[in-house]
Every structure is written in C-alpha cells, then in structure tokens.
C-alpha cells in the first residue's frame, strides 16, 4: 500500500505542475492527416 500511495502522490505532483498536456490530445483533435504521395517507381526496394 505504501508503494501505491507514493505512486499516486507522484502522479498528483505531475498533474498539479504546470505542464502543457496538450500533446496527449493532439492526435484526437487533428483528425486524419494526408499521406505524402511517392511515385511507385521511386519507392525503396528490398
């Protein structure tokens, strides 16, 4: 129980600090990103 308590306190300190947490939701907000098209004959081959 002591280990869990210390982990929870550590998590609280990370959340309460003024870090920018926007990076966690960027993938949800941006939506689908287009892929860069590369011609078939210019692709890397094995």
C-alpha atoms as a PDB file:
ATOM      1  CA  UNK A   1       0.000   0.000   0.000  1.00  0.00           C
ATOM      2  CA  UNK A   2       2.905   2.324   0.653  1.00  0.00           C
ATOM      3  CA  UNK A   3       4.158   1.867  -2.887  1.00  0.00           C
ATOM      4  CA  UNK A   4       0.725   2.652  -4.356  1.00  0.00           C
ATOM      5  CA  UNK A   5       0.406   5.722  -2.166  1.00  0.00           C
ATOM      6  CA  UNK A   6       3.792   7.038  -3.260  1.00  0.00           C
ATOM      7  CA  UNK A   7       2.928   6.406  -6.915  1.00  0.00           C
ATOM      8  CA  UNK A   8      -0.357   8.299  -6.551  1.00  0.00           C
ATOM      9  CA  UNK A   9       1.390  11.230  -4.885  1.00  0.00           C
ATOM     10  CA  UNK A  10       3.938  11.249  -7.688  1.00  0.00           C
ATOM     11  CA  UNK A  11       1.148  11.314 -10.284  1.00  0.00           C
ATOM     12  CA  UNK A  12      -0.591  14.142  -8.446  1.00  0.00           C
ATOM     13  CA  UNK A  13       2.585  16.180  -8.464  1.00  0.00           C
ATOM     14  CA  UNK A  14       2.895  15.708 -12.229  1.00  0.00           C
ATOM     15  CA  UNK A  15      -0.701  16.756 -12.834  1.00  0.00           C
ATOM     16  CA  UNK A  16      -0.606  19.704 -10.462  1.00  0.00           C
ATOM     17  CA  UNK A  17       2.583  21.048 -12.018  1.00  0.00           C
ATOM     18  CA  UNK A  18       2.030  23.489 -14.843  1.00  0.00           C
ATOM     19  CA  UNK A  19       2.991  21.213 -17.692  1.00  0.00           C
ATOM     20  CA  UNK A  20       1.409  21.515 -21.088  1.00  0.00           C
ATOM     21  CA  UNK A  21      -0.663  18.366 -21.564  1.00  0.00           C
ATOM     22  CA  UNK A  22      -1.988  19.316 -25.000  1.00  0.00           C
ATOM     23  CA  UNK A  23       0.324  16.817 -26.679  1.00  0.00           C
ATOM     24  CA  UNK A  24      -1.839  13.998 -25.299  1.00  0.00           C
ATOM     25  CA  UNK A  25      -4.927  15.110 -27.200  1.00  0.00           C
ATOM     26  CA  UNK A  26      -3.317  16.315 -30.441  1.00  0.00           C
ATOM     27  CA  UNK A  27      -3.883  13.004 -32.207  1.00  0.00           C
ATOM     28  CA  UNK A  28      -7.603  13.175 -31.394  1.00  0.00           C
ATOM     29  CA  UNK A  29      -8.101  16.812 -32.374  1.00  0.00           C
ATOM     30  CA  UNK A  30      -6.152  16.926 -35.634  1.00  0.00           C
ATOM     31  CA  UNK A  31      -8.147  14.219 -37.363  1.00  0.00           C
ATOM     32  CA  UNK A  32      -6.886  12.365 -40.389  1.00  0.00           C
ATOM     33  CA  UNK A  33      -3.653  13.658 -41.869  1.00  0.00           C
ATOM     34  CA  UNK A  34      -2.947  13.175 -45.546  1.00  0.00           C
ATOM     35  CA  UNK A  35      -0.051  10.966 -46.532  1.00  0.00           C
ATOM     36  CA  UNK A  36       2.808  12.112 -48.714  1.00  0.00           C
ATOM     37  CA  UNK A  37       2.440  10.502 -52.135  1.00  0.00           C
ATOM     38  CA  UNK A  38       5.547   8.879 -53.569  1.00  0.00           C
ATOM     39  CA  UNK A  39       5.533   7.517 -57.127  1.00  0.00           C
ATOM     40  CA  UNK A  40       5.701   3.740 -57.350  1.00  0.00           C
ATOM     41  CA  UNK A  41       8.976   3.601 -59.259  1.00  0.00           C
ATOM     42  CA  UNK A  42      10.720   5.967 -56.810  1.00  0.00           C
ATOM     43  CA  UNK A  43       9.925   3.878 -53.713  1.00  0.00           C
ATOM     44  CA  UNK A  44      12.645   1.994 -51.876  1.00  0.00           C
ATOM     45  CA  UNK A  45      13.027  -1.624 -52.903  1.00  0.00           C
ATOM     46  CA  UNK A  46      14.354  -4.600 -50.996  1.00  0.00           C
END
